[in-house]
Amino acid sequence: MNTRRSFLKKTTGAAAAFGFPSIIPSSVLGQNAPSNKITMAVFGWGMQGPGNTNAFMNEPDCHVLAACDLDQKHLDAAVKTINGKQGTNDCKPYHDYREVMARKDIDAVMIAIPDNWHALVSIEAAKNGKHIYGEKPLARTIAEQQAIVKAVQKAGVVWQTGSWQRSQSQYRMAAELVRNGLIGKLQNVVVGLPSGHNDFAGTKDKNQVTPPPAELDYEMWIGPATMEDYIEARVHKNWRWNYNIGGGQLLDWIGHHCDIAHWGMDCDSTGPVEMRPISSKFPPRTDMWNTATDYQAESTYANGVKMLISNAHDDIKMGAKWVGTDGWVWVDRSGFDCSNPEWKETFNKREKDGKVTQAGKPKKLGDDVIKTNLYDSPGHQRNFLDCIKSKMPTVTPVTTAHRSATPGHLALISLMTNTTIKWDPEKEVIVGNDEAAKLLSRDYRGPWKLEA
């Protein structure tokens, strides 16, 4: 008879066989949650937070116990939504993230907050043994990303990045074609990202300095960033267009399409050796929205492959495109295309009929030629919860998130300094350019300190 305990023993043994820690969370063993559900706290109820939280609540083994936001209106909406969907009053409101992290009955956290806070909140979560689902980019600077990686690895917690495209079949198939050499020797890659600024909050015209609203703790919201006057148009959702808080379209999207490009390039553990600026349009630094609206930079990898990072325009399409000696593959949320009609036909047929193998998983393209099968995620939130239980790596672990965002950071630094950067992907340092190297990190406003 298969009991739950025998299942856990098998899961633990499997983890050990692959060299991963055979630690099962207390929530799975029933020490924290009698219902055997993974308990979660959510941080941020702006753009990504509600959708992420709803996806987790759709999973039967997840229960949200806490919500944290610095805007009281957002916090009230979060608690009302969560308790309404769960049919309980279990979700409690919090203003200070540290109070949430101190709760022993919470297993995991979902972090969807402005970039300037990613490092401090993520590190606090790791130090308190919380498994982390964190939004991209990993952090506002490379130094912050390095600190997050160090803290997560030291704590041994599970990390999933919100780069959910790796949980979609068209991206996996495209990357598999490249990784298996079906386009020949890889020569160059194009990563197409958005341009301009999007008025996500509909506040572009609210561009005057005013006192912060009573419901928002603006002092805490600015946190470790430089204190600036309150302007409604650069707070909720639109904070990403201000370099003091976010990184513009370049860093907002690099964790999606460069992540997929790296997947196909087999670069999850490395990065470029050089970044060359090509062109950019930066508004004056004093503007309300001052992030680059157009940008192009070219990175070179140790094997000679070049990757163009650019806002989409003319013949540069959104998404990731790999070009090899024998063909090409392009993929985006809007579709999949390639140089070989048979690959596209096979992909379309598989998506239409859901053909399965004996193992019950979606049939990979050309099982007779695909020798390297990439990570097959059942869904981004589901994958995170499963990995908390098994202690196996997620489809987008913290090191992958770090490497996927690094080219974006380097491109921005290269464009800001208008210099070609030499990058050591092993030591993770800029070589021979002190001006550029200073931008790998930035000073924190007191009393906040970056400590992994």
Protein backbone atom coordinates (compact mmCIF):
# COMPACT_ATOMS: atom_id res chain seq x y z
CA MET A 1 0.00 0.00 0.00
CA ASN A 2 1.38 3.42 -0.97
CA THR A 3 1.23 5.73 2.01
CA ARG A 4 2.02 9.42 2.12
CA ARG A 5 5.07 8.75 4.27
CA SER A 6 6.44 6.16 1.82
CA PHE A 7 5.95 8.70 -0.96
CA LEU A 8 7.99 11.26 0.96
CA LYS A 9 10.73 8.70 1.47
CA LYS A 10 10.83 8.04 -2.27
CA THR A 11 10.90 11.77 -3.00
CA THR A 12 13.70 12.30 -0.50
CA GLY A 13 15.70 9.45 -2.00
CA ALA A 14 15.26 10.78 -5.51
CA ALA A 15 16.49 14.21 -4.46
CA ALA A 16 19.56 12.70 -2.85
CA ALA A 17 20.29 10.65 -5.96
CA PHE A 18 20.52 13.86 -7.98
CA GLY A 19 22.74 15.51 -5.40
CA PHE A 20 20.11 17.83 -3.92
CA PRO A 21 19.40 18.22 -0.20
CA SER A 22 16.88 15.67 1.05
CA ILE A 23 15.00 18.18 3.16
CA ILE A 24 11.22 18.17 3.16
CA PRO A 25 9.50 21.39 4.29
CA SER A 26 7.68 21.24 7.59
CA SER A 27 4.44 22.18 5.86
CA VAL A 28 4.58 18.97 3.81
CA LEU A 29 5.25 16.88 6.91
CA GLY A 30 2.30 18.51 8.63
CA GLN A 31 4.26 20.25 11.37
CA ASN A 32 3.15 23.75 10.39
CA ALA A 33 0.00 23.18 8.37
CA PRO A 34 -2.33 20.37 9.42
CA SER A 35 -4.04 20.69 6.05
CA ASN A 36 -0.71 19.80 4.38
CA LYS A 37 -0.96 22.98 2.34
CA ILE A 38 2.00 25.19 1.58
CA THR A 39 1.43 28.44 3.43
CA MET A 40 2.30 31.67 1.67
CA ALA A 41 2.64 35.41 2.17
CA VAL A 42 2.35 37.86 -0.73
CA PHE A 43 4.21 41.14 -1.09
CA GLY A 44 2.91 43.80 -3.45
CA TRP A 45 -0.60 44.34 -4.80
CA GLY A 46 0.11 46.42 -7.88
CA MET A 47 0.67 45.06 -11.38
CA GLN A 48 1.96 41.50 -10.95
CA GLY A 49 0.90 40.73 -7.41
CA PRO A 50 -2.83 40.10 -7.93
CA GLY A 51 -2.32 37.79 -10.91
CA ASN A 52 0.44 35.81 -9.25
CA THR A 53 -1.56 35.46 -6.05
CA ASN A 54 -4.68 34.34 -7.89
CA ALA A 55 -2.65 31.69 -9.74
CA PHE A 56 -1.30 30.35 -6.46
CA MET A 57 -4.76 30.30 -4.87
CA ASN A 58 -5.96 28.22 -7.83
CA GLU A 59 -3.59 25.48 -6.66
CA PRO A 60 -5.32 23.24 -4.07
CA ASP A 61 -2.24 22.83 -1.89
CA CYS A 62 -1.51 26.55 -1.39
CA HIS A 63 -2.98 28.75 1.34
CA VAL A 64 -2.23 32.48 1.67
CA LEU A 65 -1.87 33.65 5.27
CA ALA A 66 -0.49 37.17 4.90
CA ALA A 67 -0.39 40.15 2.55
CA CYS A 68 2.03 43.07 2.77
CA ASP A 69 1.87 46.42 0.99
CA LEU A 70 2.87 50.00 1.82
CA ASP A 71 -0.33 51.46 0.38
CA GLN A 72 -3.26 50.90 2.72
CA LYS A 73 -5.77 50.87 -0.14
CA HIS A 74 -3.80 48.18 -1.93
CA LEU A 75 -3.42 46.21 1.28
CA ASP A 76 -7.13 46.34 2.04
CA ALA A 77 -7.91 45.16 -1.49
CA ALA A 78 -5.41 42.32 -1.19
CA VAL A 79 -6.77 40.98 2.08
CA LYS A 80 -10.38 41.29 0.89
CA THR A 81 -9.62 39.49 -2.38
CA ILE A 82 -7.59 36.71 -0.80
CA ASN A 83 -9.97 35.97 2.05
CA GLY A 84 -12.92 36.16 -0.31
CA LYS A 85 -11.47 33.58 -2.66
CA GLN A 86 -10.23 31.30 0.12
CA GLY A 87 -13.48 31.59 2.06
CA THR A 88 -11.66 32.32 5.32
CA ASN A 89 -10.33 35.21 7.38
CA ASP A 90 -6.87 33.62 7.56
CA CYS A 91 -5.03 36.25 5.49
CA LYS A 92 -3.78 39.05 7.75
CA PRO A 93 -2.52 42.50 6.66
CA TYR A 94 1.05 43.71 7.21
CA HIS A 95 2.90 46.95 6.63
CA ASP A 96 6.45 45.86 7.54
CA TYR A 97 7.91 42.96 5.56
CA ARG A 98 10.10 41.95 8.49
CA GLU A 99 7.09 41.11 10.64
CA VAL A 100 5.85 38.72 7.97
CA MET A 101 9.22 37.02 7.60
CA ALA A 102 9.34 36.39 11.34
CA ARG A 103 6.21 34.22 11.21
CA LYS A 104 7.18 30.57 11.61
CA ASP A 105 3.96 29.28 10.09
CA ILE A 106 4.68 30.70 6.62
CA ASP A 107 6.57 28.48 4.19
CA ALA A 108 6.89 30.64 1.10
CA VAL A 109 6.59 34.20 -0.19
CA MET A 110 5.56 35.80 -3.47
CA ILE A 111 7.43 39.09 -4.07
CA ALA A 112 6.06 41.53 -6.67
CA ILE A 113 7.33 44.93 -5.55
CA PRO A 114 9.38 47.76 -7.13
CA ASP A 115 12.93 46.85 -8.14
CA ASN A 116 14.59 49.03 -5.49
CA TRP A 117 13.21 46.68 -2.80
CA HIS A 118 13.90 43.30 -4.44
CA ALA A 119 17.22 42.67 -2.71
CA LEU A 120 16.32 43.59 0.87
CA VAL A 121 13.01 41.73 0.95
CA SER A 122 14.38 38.65 -0.84
CA ILE A 123 17.40 38.41 1.44
CA GLU A 124 15.23 38.76 4.54
CA ALA A 125 13.00 35.98 3.23
CA ALA A 126 15.97 33.69 2.63
CA LYS A 127 17.43 34.37 6.08
CA ASN A 128 14.12 33.31 7.58
CA GLY A 129 13.98 30.11 5.57
CA LYS A 130 11.15 31.15 3.25
CA HIS A 131 10.95 29.72 -0.25
CA ILE A 132 10.72 32.57 -2.74
CA TYR A 133 8.76 33.33 -5.89
CA GLY A 134 10.32 36.63 -7.02
CA GLU A 135 9.57 38.88 -9.95
CA LYS A 136 12.07 39.84 -12.60
CA PRO A 137 14.52 41.41 -13.04
CA LEU A 138 16.19 39.77 -10.07
CA ALA A 139 17.24 43.19 -8.69
CA ARG A 140 17.99 46.80 -9.60
CA THR A 141 21.77 46.29 -9.77
CA ILE A 142 24.15 43.40 -10.41
CA ALA A 143 25.60 43.75 -6.90
CA GLU A 144 22.13 43.31 -5.43
CA GLN A 145 21.58 40.26 -7.61
CA GLN A 146 24.83 38.74 -6.40
CA ALA A 147 23.74 39.32 -2.80
CA ILE A 148 20.39 37.61 -3.43
CA VAL A 149 22.11 34.58 -5.00
CA LYS A 150 24.45 34.31 -2.03
CA ALA A 151 21.62 34.54 0.51
CA VAL A 152 19.40 32.00 -1.28
CA GLN A 153 22.20 29.50 -1.71
CA LYS A 154 23.30 29.91 1.90
CA ALA A 155 19.78 29.32 3.18
CA GLY A 156 19.09 26.43 0.80
CA VAL A 157 15.59 27.68 -0.01
CA VAL A 158 13.74 27.12 -3.28
CA TRP A 159 13.59 30.06 -5.69
CA GLN A 160 11.33 30.58 -8.68
CA THR A 161 11.62 33.68 -10.86
CA GLY A 162 8.55 35.14 -12.52
CA SER A 163 10.09 34.45 -15.95
CA TRP A 164 7.09 32.27 -16.71
CA GLN A 165 7.85 31.89 -20.42
CA ARG A 166 10.00 28.86 -19.55
CA SER A 167 6.80 27.14 -18.47
CA GLN A 168 5.29 27.57 -21.96
CA SER A 169 5.69 24.87 -24.61
CA GLN A 170 6.60 27.09 -27.58
CA TYR A 171 9.59 28.53 -25.74
CA ARG A 172 10.82 25.12 -24.63
CA MET A 173 10.51 23.73 -28.14
CA ALA A 174 12.34 26.69 -29.69
CA ALA A 175 15.19 26.41 -27.22
CA GLU A 176 15.38 22.63 -27.77
CA LEU A 177 15.82 23.11 -31.52
CA VAL A 178 18.79 25.35 -30.86
CA ARG A 179 20.31 23.27 -28.08
CA ASN A 180 20.15 20.13 -30.23
CA GLY A 181 22.00 21.76 -33.11
CA LEU A 182 19.15 21.61 -35.60
CA ILE A 183 19.93 25.11 -36.84
CA GLY A 184 23.61 24.21 -37.15
CA LYS A 185 26.34 26.11 -35.36
CA LEU A 186 24.87 29.09 -33.55
CA GLN A 187 26.16 32.39 -34.91
CA ASN A 188 24.07 35.22 -33.52
CA VAL A 189 21.01 35.94 -31.40
CA VAL A 190 18.56 38.85 -31.42
CA VAL A 191 16.61 39.81 -28.31
CA GLY A 192 13.78 42.23 -29.12
CA LEU A 193 12.23 44.21 -26.26
CA PRO A 194 9.65 47.03 -25.96
CA SER A 195 10.45 50.72 -26.41
CA GLY A 196 9.10 53.95 -25.01
CA HIS A 197 7.08 54.27 -21.81
CA ASN A 198 3.67 52.75 -21.09
CA ASP A 199 1.32 54.66 -18.81
CA PHE A 200 0.22 51.53 -16.96
CA ALA A 201 -1.48 53.43 -14.13
CA GLY A 202 -3.07 56.15 -16.25
CA THR A 203 -1.25 58.80 -14.22
CA LYS A 204 1.01 60.43 -16.82
CA ASP A 205 -0.75 63.77 -16.42
CA LYS A 206 -0.39 63.67 -12.64
CA ASN A 207 3.14 64.91 -12.99
CA GLN A 208 3.39 67.60 -10.32
CA VAL A 209 5.13 67.45 -6.97
CA THR A 210 2.53 66.99 -4.24
CA PRO A 211 2.45 65.66 -0.69
CA PRO A 212 2.16 61.85 -0.62
CA PRO A 213 -1.37 60.55 0.02
CA ALA A 214 -2.12 59.54 3.60
CA GLU A 215 -2.59 55.88 2.67
CA LEU A 216 0.96 55.51 1.26
CA ASP A 217 4.06 55.26 3.44
CA TYR A 218 6.24 57.07 0.93
CA GLU A 219 9.33 57.18 3.14
CA MET A 220 9.31 53.37 3.35
CA TRP A 221 8.36 53.03 -0.31
CA ILE A 222 11.51 54.90 -1.38
CA GLY A 223 13.44 52.68 1.01
CA PRO A 224 17.15 52.30 0.09
CA ALA A 225 16.83 54.46 -3.05
CA THR A 226 17.58 58.20 -3.13
CA MET A 227 14.82 60.30 -1.62
CA GLU A 228 12.86 62.21 -4.26
CA ASP A 229 9.79 64.43 -4.18
CA TYR A 230 6.53 62.56 -4.48
CA ILE A 231 5.00 62.60 -7.96
CA GLU A 232 2.01 60.32 -8.48
CA ALA A 233 3.00 59.51 -12.07
CA ARG A 234 6.18 57.77 -10.99
CA VAL A 235 4.86 55.65 -8.13
CA HIS A 236 2.40 52.78 -8.65
CA LYS A 237 3.06 50.72 -11.81
CA ASN A 238 4.92 53.59 -13.51
CA TRP A 239 7.87 53.52 -11.09
CA ARG A 240 9.74 51.42 -13.68
CA TRP A 241 10.28 54.53 -15.83
CA ASN A 242 12.39 56.21 -13.14
CA TYR A 243 16.01 55.02 -12.76
CA ASN A 244 15.90 55.72 -9.04
CA ILE A 245 13.44 52.82 -8.64
CA GLY A 246 13.39 50.74 -11.85
CA GLY A 247 15.30 50.11 -15.06
CA GLY A 248 12.97 51.02 -17.90
CA GLN A 249 11.80 48.72 -20.66
CA LEU A 250 15.29 47.21 -20.98
CA LEU A 251 15.45 45.78 -17.46
CA ASP A 252 11.70 45.27 -17.19
CA TRP A 253 11.82 42.77 -20.08
CA ILE A 254 15.36 41.41 -20.15
CA GLY A 255 14.34 38.69 -17.68
CA HIS A 256 11.84 37.38 -20.23
CA HIS A 257 13.37 37.33 -23.70
CA CYS A 258 17.06 37.24 -22.78
CA ASP A 259 16.12 34.44 -20.38
CA ILE A 260 14.77 32.43 -23.31
CA ALA A 261 17.74 33.37 -25.50
CA HIS A 262 20.12 32.08 -22.83
CA TRP A 263 18.07 28.89 -22.50
CA GLY A 264 18.70 28.08 -26.14
CA MET A 265 22.34 29.20 -25.90
CA ASP A 266 22.99 27.03 -22.83
CA CYS A 267 24.14 30.12 -20.91
CA ASP A 268 22.28 29.71 -17.63
CA SER A 269 25.60 29.56 -15.79
CA THR A 270 27.62 32.13 -17.70
CA GLY A 271 27.35 35.38 -19.62
CA PRO A 272 28.96 37.62 -22.22
CA VAL A 273 32.59 38.67 -22.20
CA GLU A 274 31.96 42.01 -23.87
CA MET A 275 29.13 44.54 -24.24
CA ARG A 276 29.29 47.21 -26.95
CA PRO A 277 26.95 50.23 -27.09
CA ILE A 278 25.30 50.93 -30.44
CA SER A 279 22.62 53.57 -29.94
CA SER A 280 20.19 54.92 -27.35
CA LYS A 281 17.73 57.68 -26.52
CA PHE A 282 17.75 58.85 -22.92
CA PRO A 283 15.44 61.60 -21.64
CA PRO A 284 17.12 64.16 -19.36
CA ARG A 285 17.87 62.63 -15.97
CA THR A 286 15.71 65.33 -14.37
CA ASP A 287 12.60 64.26 -16.32
CA MET A 288 9.75 62.59 -14.46
CA TRP A 289 10.31 59.47 -16.60
CA ASN A 290 14.00 59.27 -17.41
CA THR A 291 14.62 55.69 -18.58
CA ALA A 292 15.83 54.95 -22.11
CA THR A 293 13.08 54.87 -24.70
CA ASP A 294 15.25 53.36 -27.45
CA TYR A 295 18.37 51.26 -27.00
CA GLN A 296 20.72 48.90 -28.83
CA ALA A 297 23.79 47.09 -27.53
CA GLU A 298 25.69 44.03 -28.71
CA SER A 299 27.13 41.39 -26.42
CA THR A 300 29.79 38.87 -27.38
CA TYR A 301 30.17 35.47 -25.70
CA ALA A 302 33.34 33.43 -25.22
CA ASN A 303 32.42 31.09 -28.09
CA GLY A 304 32.12 34.02 -30.50
CA VAL A 305 28.30 34.15 -30.58
CA LYS A 306 26.97 37.70 -30.66
CA MET A 307 23.67 38.77 -29.14
CA LEU A 308 21.93 42.00 -30.10
CA ILE A 309 19.77 43.50 -27.35
CA SER A 310 17.43 46.06 -28.86
CA ASN A 311 14.04 47.66 -28.63
CA ALA A 312 11.82 46.16 -31.32
CA HIS A 313 11.65 48.23 -34.50
CA ASP A 314 11.91 47.79 -38.27
CA ASP A 315 12.99 44.16 -38.82
CA ILE A 316 13.76 43.52 -35.13
CA LYS A 317 10.78 41.67 -33.69
CA MET A 318 9.80 41.21 -30.07
CA GLY A 319 11.05 37.93 -28.66
CA ALA A 320 14.16 35.81 -29.12
CA LYS A 321 15.69 34.74 -32.43
CA TRP A 322 18.62 32.39 -32.88
CA VAL A 323 20.47 32.23 -36.22
CA GLY A 324 22.76 29.31 -37.08
CA THR A 325 24.67 28.04 -40.08
CA ASP A 326 21.74 25.79 -41.11
CA GLY A 327 18.67 27.81 -40.17
CA TRP A 328 16.94 30.00 -37.62
CA VAL A 329 14.23 29.93 -34.94
CA TRP A 330 12.16 32.81 -33.53
CA VAL A 331 9.71 32.72 -30.64
CA ASP A 332 7.55 35.25 -28.83
CA ARG A 333 4.23 35.34 -27.00
CA SER A 334 2.62 36.08 -30.36
CA GLY A 335 3.95 32.98 -32.07
CA PHE A 336 6.66 30.60 -33.21
CA ASP A 337 8.49 30.61 -36.53
CA CYS A 338 11.54 28.95 -38.06
CA SER A 339 13.39 28.31 -41.29
CA ASN A 340 12.24 24.69 -41.57
CA PRO A 341 8.52 24.29 -42.44
CA GLU A 342 8.49 20.76 -41.00
CA TRP A 343 9.45 22.03 -37.54
CA LYS A 344 6.63 24.56 -37.61
CA GLU A 345 4.13 22.00 -38.89
CA THR A 346 5.12 19.57 -36.15
CA PHE A 347 4.81 22.30 -33.53
CA ASN A 348 1.37 23.38 -34.75
CA LYS A 349 0.14 19.77 -34.84
CA ARG A 350 1.41 19.06 -31.35
CA GLU A 351 -0.26 22.18 -29.98
CA LYS A 352 -3.53 21.28 -31.69
CA ASP A 353 -3.95 17.62 -30.81
CA GLY A 354 -1.97 17.45 -27.58
CA LYS A 355 -0.34 14.20 -28.68
CA VAL A 356 1.26 12.44 -25.73
CA THR A 357 3.91 9.82 -25.17
CA GLN A 358 3.45 6.72 -23.03
CA ALA A 359 4.71 8.76 -20.07
CA GLY A 360 1.73 11.04 -20.49
CA LYS A 361 3.76 14.18 -21.21
CA PRO A 362 3.44 16.38 -24.30
CA LYS A 363 5.35 14.84 -27.17
CA LYS A 364 8.58 16.65 -27.90
CA LEU A 365 9.34 17.74 -31.44
CA GLY A 366 11.03 14.92 -33.30
CA ASP A 367 11.83 12.54 -30.46
CA ASP A 368 14.14 10.72 -32.85
CA VAL A 369 16.39 13.80 -33.26
CA ILE A 370 15.90 15.69 -30.00
CA LYS A 371 18.50 14.19 -27.69
CA THR A 372 18.54 17.03 -25.14
CA ASN A 373 15.11 17.57 -23.62
CA LEU A 374 14.85 20.77 -21.60
CA TYR A 375 13.03 21.21 -18.30
CA ASP A 376 9.31 20.51 -18.81
CA SER A 377 7.41 22.66 -16.31
CA PRO A 378 3.73 21.89 -15.60
CA GLY A 379 3.06 25.59 -15.01
CA HIS A 380 5.07 28.26 -13.25
CA GLN A 381 3.24 28.40 -9.92
CA ARG A 382 2.67 24.64 -9.91
CA ASN A 383 6.36 24.05 -10.58
CA PHE A 384 7.31 26.25 -7.62
CA LEU A 385 5.03 24.39 -5.22
CA ASP A 386 6.19 21.00 -6.48
CA CYS A 387 9.82 21.98 -5.99
CA ILE A 388 9.18 23.17 -2.45
CA LYS A 389 8.01 19.65 -1.72
CA SER A 390 10.76 17.82 -3.59
CA LYS A 391 13.61 20.31 -3.01
CA MET A 392 14.49 19.98 -6.68
CA PRO A 393 15.44 23.13 -8.65
CA THR A 394 12.65 25.09 -10.33
CA VAL A 395 12.60 25.86 -14.03
CA THR A 396 13.93 29.39 -13.27
CA PRO A 397 16.14 29.17 -10.16
CA VAL A 398 17.95 32.17 -8.66
CA THR A 399 21.21 31.63 -10.55
CA THR A 400 19.34 31.52 -13.85
CA ALA A 401 17.48 34.72 -12.98
CA HIS A 402 20.81 36.38 -12.20
CA ARG A 403 22.47 35.31 -15.44
CA SER A 404 19.39 36.16 -17.54
CA ALA A 405 19.25 39.74 -16.26
CA THR A 406 22.99 40.43 -16.25
CA PRO A 407 23.22 41.25 -20.01
CA GLY A 408 20.49 43.85 -19.51
CA HIS A 409 22.37 45.50 -16.67
CA LEU A 410 25.60 45.45 -18.67
CA ALA A 411 23.84 46.89 -21.73
CA LEU A 412 22.44 49.74 -19.64
CA ILE A 413 25.84 50.48 -18.11
CA SER A 414 27.49 50.37 -21.52
CA LEU A 415 24.94 52.78 -22.97
CA MET A 416 25.08 55.14 -19.98
CA THR A 417 28.87 55.38 -20.14
CA ASN A 418 29.05 55.05 -23.94
CA THR A 419 31.91 52.60 -23.55
CA THR A 420 32.56 49.00 -24.55
CA ILE A 421 32.63 46.85 -21.41
CA LYS A 422 34.88 43.87 -20.83
CA TRP A 423 33.08 41.46 -18.51
CA ASP A 424 34.51 38.47 -16.66
CA PRO A 425 31.55 36.06 -16.40
CA GLU A 426 33.32 33.85 -13.84
CA LYS A 427 34.47 36.55 -11.42
CA GLU A 428 31.48 38.72 -12.40
CA VAL A 429 33.43 41.96 -12.60
CA ILE A 430 33.95 44.68 -15.21
CA VAL A 431 37.58 44.69 -16.27
CA GLY A 432 39.59 47.87 -16.89
CA ASN A 433 36.76 50.42 -16.70
CA ASP A 434 36.38 52.02 -13.29
CA GLU A 435 33.61 54.38 -14.39
CA ALA A 436 31.43 51.50 -15.60
CA ALA A 437 32.34 49.30 -12.64
CA LYS A 438 30.90 51.87 -10.24
CA LEU A 439 27.46 51.28 -11.77
CA LEU A 440 27.45 47.61 -10.78
CA SER A 441 26.18 48.81 -7.40
CA ARG A 442 24.88 51.98 -5.80
CA ASP A 443 24.84 53.61 -2.40
CA TYR A 444 21.94 52.83 -0.08
CA ARG A 445 20.03 55.52 1.78
CA GLY A 446 20.27 55.01 5.52
CA PRO A 447 19.41 53.12 7.60
CA TRP A 448 19.20 50.44 4.90
CA LYS A 449 22.22 48.25 4.17
CA LEU A 450 22.81 45.50 1.63
CA GLU A 451 23.93 42.43 3.56
CA ALA A 452 23.65 38.88 2.24
